[in-house]
C-alpha cells in the first residue's frame, strides 16, 4: 500500500512533465529499475556510500538495469548533502519530485526541520514532495496491549522499537504548508487503504491509533 502510494506519486509527477526525481535515504528502493519513467528522467538516489554500493552490486549481479538515468549520490543526511546532489547534475532551477519514505521516525525534530528546509531550498516552483510520516513512537506498553488483544501476532519480538525512534515532532504537513507548499489532503494508513479499495484489518486500526501515520503530497508554489 505504501509502495503504491509512492509509485503513484512519481507517475503523477512524470505526467506533469517533471524529469528530476530525488529519492531521499534511498536504501534498497528499486524504483529507478522498476517504474516506467518518462524519457529524459533522471533519478537521484541519496544515501550512504556503502548502502548504494551494496544495492548496485546486488542488482548488477541480477542483470538489472535502470529504466531511467540513475545517479547515486553518496552522502549522509546529517551533513551537507545538497552540495553533492547539485554536483551530480541536479538542477534546482527545474521542477523536481521528492520522496521521503520511512526515514522521519529516526530523525529528531531539529533534523527533520533541517531536512525539509534543504529540500524546500532546492525546489523550483512546481516541484512536488511525497512524505510517509509517523507522528509518535511505538512504546512497550502500547505493544504489549496490542499483542494481548491479538495473541499470536508478534509486533516487536526482541526489538525495542521505542529505543530506535524519537518523540513527537513538528507536523510535516503543517511545516510544509507554512513554507510555500500547497499540501493536498493528508491521509492516514486506513484512509489510504480505503482509497485503494482495501479493507484494513482490525489490528491496523489499533496500530494507526497511536502510530498516527500520515501520507502527504505537496506542490511548491
Protein backbone atom coordinates (compact mmCIF):
# COMPACT_ATOMS: atom_id res chain seq x y z
CA UNK A 1 0.00 0.00 0.00
CA UNK A 2 2.80 2.43 0.91
CA UNK A 3 4.74 1.24 -2.11
CA UNK A 4 1.79 2.03 -4.36
CA UNK A 5 1.43 5.49 -2.81
CA UNK A 6 4.98 6.47 -3.78
CA UNK A 7 4.79 4.70 -7.15
CA UNK A 8 1.64 6.67 -8.00
CA UNK A 9 3.29 9.88 -6.81
CA UNK A 10 6.22 9.56 -9.19
CA UNK A 11 3.92 8.54 -12.06
CA UNK A 12 1.81 11.65 -11.49
CA UNK A 13 4.91 13.86 -11.35
CA UNK A 14 6.11 12.39 -14.63
CA UNK A 15 2.73 13.01 -16.25
CA UNK A 16 3.06 16.65 -15.11
CA UNK A 17 6.35 16.97 -17.02
CA UNK A 18 8.80 16.64 -14.13
CA UNK A 19 12.02 14.96 -15.20
CA UNK A 20 14.07 15.09 -11.98
CA UNK A 21 13.27 12.63 -9.19
CA UNK A 22 15.08 12.52 -5.86
CA UNK A 23 14.75 9.54 -3.52
CA UNK A 24 15.91 10.61 -0.05
CA UNK A 25 17.51 7.89 2.09
CA UNK A 26 17.05 5.57 -0.87
CA UNK A 27 18.18 2.40 0.85
CA UNK A 28 17.16 -0.60 -1.24
CA UNK A 29 14.48 1.34 -3.14
CA UNK A 30 14.34 -0.12 -6.65
CA UNK A 31 12.05 2.41 -8.34
CA UNK A 32 14.77 3.55 -10.73
CA UNK A 33 14.79 -0.04 -12.04
CA UNK A 34 11.14 -0.91 -11.64
CA UNK A 35 8.98 2.04 -12.68
CA UNK A 36 8.28 3.15 -16.24
CA UNK A 37 9.86 6.61 -16.25
CA UNK A 38 9.20 9.20 -18.97
CA UNK A 39 12.00 9.67 -21.46
CA UNK A 40 14.64 12.09 -20.19
CA UNK A 41 14.06 11.45 -16.48
CA UNK A 42 16.98 11.40 -14.06
CA UNK A 43 16.55 9.61 -10.75
CA UNK A 44 18.89 10.75 -7.98
CA UNK A 45 19.31 8.33 -5.09
CA UNK A 46 20.71 9.89 -1.92
CA UNK A 47 22.12 7.62 0.76
CA UNK A 48 25.29 6.44 2.49
CA UNK A 49 28.05 5.18 0.18
CA UNK A 50 28.02 1.60 1.48
CA UNK A 51 24.24 1.31 1.05
CA UNK A 52 24.36 2.49 -2.55
CA UNK A 53 27.34 0.29 -3.36
CA UNK A 54 25.63 -2.78 -1.92
CA UNK A 55 22.44 -2.19 -3.89
CA UNK A 56 24.31 -1.55 -7.14
CA UNK A 57 26.31 -4.75 -6.67
CA UNK A 58 23.30 -6.95 -5.88
CA UNK A 59 21.16 -5.58 -8.71
CA UNK A 60 24.11 -5.75 -11.09
CA UNK A 61 24.60 -9.42 -10.26
CA UNK A 62 20.97 -9.98 -11.23
CA UNK A 63 21.43 -8.19 -14.52
CA UNK A 64 19.03 -5.42 -13.55
CA UNK A 65 19.24 -2.17 -15.49
CA UNK A 66 17.67 1.16 -14.50
CA UNK A 67 14.76 2.38 -16.62
CA UNK A 68 15.86 6.00 -16.28
CA UNK A 69 19.16 7.78 -15.91
CA UNK A 70 20.12 6.81 -12.36
CA UNK A 71 22.65 8.82 -10.38
CA UNK A 72 23.78 7.61 -6.97
CA UNK A 73 24.59 10.49 -4.63
CA UNK A 74 26.72 9.19 -1.78
CA UNK A 75 26.02 11.44 1.18
CA UNK A 76 24.99 11.45 4.82
CA UNK A 77 21.73 13.31 5.50
CA UNK A 78 23.37 14.67 8.66
CA UNK A 79 25.88 16.56 6.54
CA UNK A 80 25.73 18.97 3.58
CA UNK A 81 24.12 16.54 1.12
CA UNK A 82 22.68 19.25 -1.21
CA UNK A 83 26.20 20.10 -2.41
CA UNK A 84 26.99 16.63 -3.82
CA UNK A 85 23.45 16.42 -5.19
CA UNK A 86 23.94 19.59 -7.22
CA UNK A 87 27.41 18.43 -8.22
CA UNK A 88 25.76 15.30 -9.62
CA UNK A 89 23.82 17.44 -12.13
CA UNK A 90 20.66 18.12 -10.12
CA UNK A 91 19.26 21.46 -11.29
CA UNK A 92 17.41 23.41 -8.56
CA UNK A 93 16.04 25.77 -11.22
CA UNK A 94 13.93 23.00 -12.73
CA UNK A 95 10.94 21.31 -11.04
CA UNK A 96 11.69 18.09 -9.23
CA UNK A 97 9.82 15.31 -7.41
CA UNK A 98 10.99 14.08 -4.00
CA UNK A 99 10.14 11.04 -1.92
CA UNK A 100 10.77 10.97 1.84
CA UNK A 101 9.84 7.43 2.80
CA UNK A 102 10.43 5.68 6.10
CA UNK A 103 13.13 7.99 7.45
CA UNK A 104 11.29 10.52 9.64
CA UNK A 105 10.79 8.26 12.70
CA UNK A 106 14.57 8.08 13.04
CA UNK A 107 15.13 11.85 12.98
CA UNK A 108 14.98 14.35 15.81
CA UNK A 109 12.70 17.33 15.39
CA UNK A 110 15.70 19.53 14.50
CA UNK A 111 16.97 17.01 11.96
CA UNK A 112 13.53 16.75 10.37
CA UNK A 113 13.30 20.54 10.10
CA UNK A 114 16.76 20.69 8.54
CA UNK A 115 15.82 18.01 6.01
CA UNK A 116 12.65 19.77 4.87
CA UNK A 117 14.39 23.16 4.82
CA UNK A 118 17.07 21.85 2.48
CA UNK A 119 14.53 20.16 0.23
CA UNK A 120 12.50 23.38 0.03
CA UNK A 121 15.59 25.40 -0.86
CA UNK A 122 16.30 23.00 -3.74
CA UNK A 123 12.78 23.03 -5.15
CA UNK A 124 11.73 25.29 -8.01
CA UNK A 125 8.05 26.25 -8.32
CA UNK A 126 6.02 23.27 -9.48
CA UNK A 127 8.19 20.79 -7.60
CA UNK A 128 6.48 18.03 -5.64
CA UNK A 129 7.18 16.06 -2.49
CA UNK A 130 5.65 12.90 -1.05
CA UNK A 131 6.15 12.03 2.60
CA UNK A 132 5.39 8.96 4.65
CA UNK A 133 5.36 10.18 8.25
CA UNK A 134 4.73 8.81 11.71
CA UNK A 135 3.61 11.22 14.40
CA UNK A 136 4.57 9.33 17.53
CA UNK A 137 6.72 6.49 18.63
CA UNK A 138 5.89 2.91 19.47
CA UNK A 139 6.47 2.08 23.17
CA UNK A 140 6.47 -1.18 25.11
CA UNK A 141 3.15 -0.53 26.85
CA UNK A 142 1.32 0.00 23.60
CA UNK A 143 2.97 -3.02 22.00
CA UNK A 144 2.06 -5.22 24.98
CA UNK A 145 -1.58 -4.08 24.85
CA UNK A 146 -1.75 -4.70 21.11
CA UNK A 147 -0.21 -8.16 21.39
CA UNK A 148 -2.58 -9.04 24.28
CA UNK A 149 -5.57 -8.19 22.09
CA UNK A 150 -4.15 -10.20 19.19
CA UNK A 151 -2.36 -13.30 20.55
CA UNK A 152 -0.07 -14.90 18.04
CA UNK A 153 0.64 -11.62 16.27
CA UNK A 154 4.16 -10.55 17.20
CA UNK A 155 4.66 -6.85 16.70
CA UNK A 156 8.09 -6.36 18.22
CA UNK A 157 9.80 -9.64 19.02
CA UNK A 158 13.08 -8.83 20.75
CA UNK A 159 13.36 -5.36 19.23
CA UNK A 160 12.56 -2.27 21.29
CA UNK A 161 11.27 -0.02 18.54
CA UNK A 162 10.74 2.82 21.02
CA UNK A 163 14.50 2.97 21.51
CA UNK A 164 15.05 3.46 17.78
CA UNK A 165 12.69 6.38 17.25
CA UNK A 166 12.09 9.83 18.72
CA UNK A 167 9.25 11.54 20.49
CA UNK A 168 6.64 13.60 18.68
CA UNK A 169 7.99 16.03 16.10
CA UNK A 170 6.64 19.02 14.19
CA UNK A 171 3.79 18.01 11.93
CA UNK A 172 5.33 17.76 8.41
CA UNK A 173 2.14 18.82 6.62
CA UNK A 174 1.82 21.95 8.77
CA UNK A 175 5.51 22.76 8.31
CA UNK A 176 5.27 22.49 4.52
CA UNK A 177 2.04 24.47 4.31
CA UNK A 178 3.63 27.35 6.21
CA UNK A 179 6.63 27.48 3.87
CA UNK A 180 5.37 27.77 0.32
CA UNK A 181 3.88 24.34 -0.29
CA UNK A 182 0.32 23.57 -1.35
CA UNK A 183 -0.42 20.49 0.75
CA UNK A 184 -3.05 18.09 -0.55
CA UNK A 185 -5.44 16.41 1.94
CA UNK A 186 -3.38 14.24 4.29
CA UNK A 187 -4.32 10.56 4.51
CA UNK A 188 -3.53 8.04 7.22
CA UNK A 189 -2.93 4.33 6.64
CA UNK A 190 -6.60 3.42 6.94
CA UNK A 191 -7.71 6.15 4.54
CA UNK A 192 -5.06 5.19 2.03
CA UNK A 193 -6.10 1.55 2.16
CA UNK A 194 -9.71 2.56 1.58
CA UNK A 195 -8.64 4.71 -1.36
CA UNK A 196 -7.07 1.63 -2.94
CA UNK A 197 -10.17 -0.45 -2.34
CA UNK A 198 -8.68 -2.40 0.56
CA UNK A 199 -10.44 -3.29 3.81
CA UNK A 200 -7.97 -2.76 6.67
CA UNK A 201 -7.89 -5.48 9.34
CA UNK A 202 -8.78 -4.52 12.90
CA UNK A 203 -5.16 -4.67 14.01
CA UNK A 204 -4.26 -1.94 11.52
CA UNK A 205 -6.80 0.39 13.10
CA UNK A 206 -5.31 -0.19 16.54
CA UNK A 207 -1.76 0.38 15.30
CA UNK A 208 -2.70 3.55 13.49
CA UNK A 209 -4.41 4.88 16.60
CA UNK A 210 -1.07 5.51 18.25
CA UNK A 211 1.37 5.49 15.33
CA UNK A 212 -0.52 8.41 13.73
CA UNK A 213 0.52 7.65 10.17
CA UNK A 214 0.45 10.38 7.55
CA UNK A 215 0.79 10.20 3.79
CA UNK A 216 1.49 13.67 2.47
CA UNK A 217 1.82 15.11 -1.03
CA UNK A 218 2.52 18.76 -1.71
CA UNK A 219 3.37 21.06 -4.62
CA UNK A 220 5.75 24.02 -4.33
CA UNK A 221 4.26 27.33 -5.42
